[in-house]
Amino acid sequence: MEQTQSNPQIDAFIDAVEKLLPGFLANPADKAISDGNGSLMIIEEGGRIYGRMFGTDRGRQRGSCRIAWQKCTQVWLTDIATGRFEELVYSKQLDPSPFGIMNPDFIGWEGGLPARLADGTKLALAFSGMRGENDCEILRQAAAQVPGISIA
């Protein structure tokens, strides 16, 4: 099997999320969502997937990973933040059919964001394991710490 090199910017982004997470989980409302278990997923536009699960409960990690996957793949398909995509569809400003996502498959929660690398590469980012607004906020704060990654 051929080994591929990882992307140093994405590795730095994952490290930034890991360092920020304890501060977010200090909030009891966020810790209570999944008892400190969460998942980060990143997909490059070409389909390469990166990620990390946090916590100690494998069952809860699996659950948060499933949700992060759903958020991230929706952003990867649409290049629109989760939550915002659904707003556009339900207000009849956007037809979802070109994206191949049917209404029952919309994630409906915040936590997935489009991003760009400095070279223009599109990324889909997602976190799951806290309140949706903080799933997004940890992504924003981590991106702000890594030169060359910006939230689209």
Foldseek 3Di string as FASTA:
>chain_A
DDDDDDDPLVVLLQVLLVVCLVVVCVPVQFCVQQVSWKKKWKAWLVGDIDIDIDDDDVVSNVVRVVLQVLQQVLCSLPVAFQLVVVVCVVVVVDDCVVSPADVVSRSNAGFWFWKAFQVGIIMIIGMGRGHRVVSVVSSQVSQVVGPGMHTD
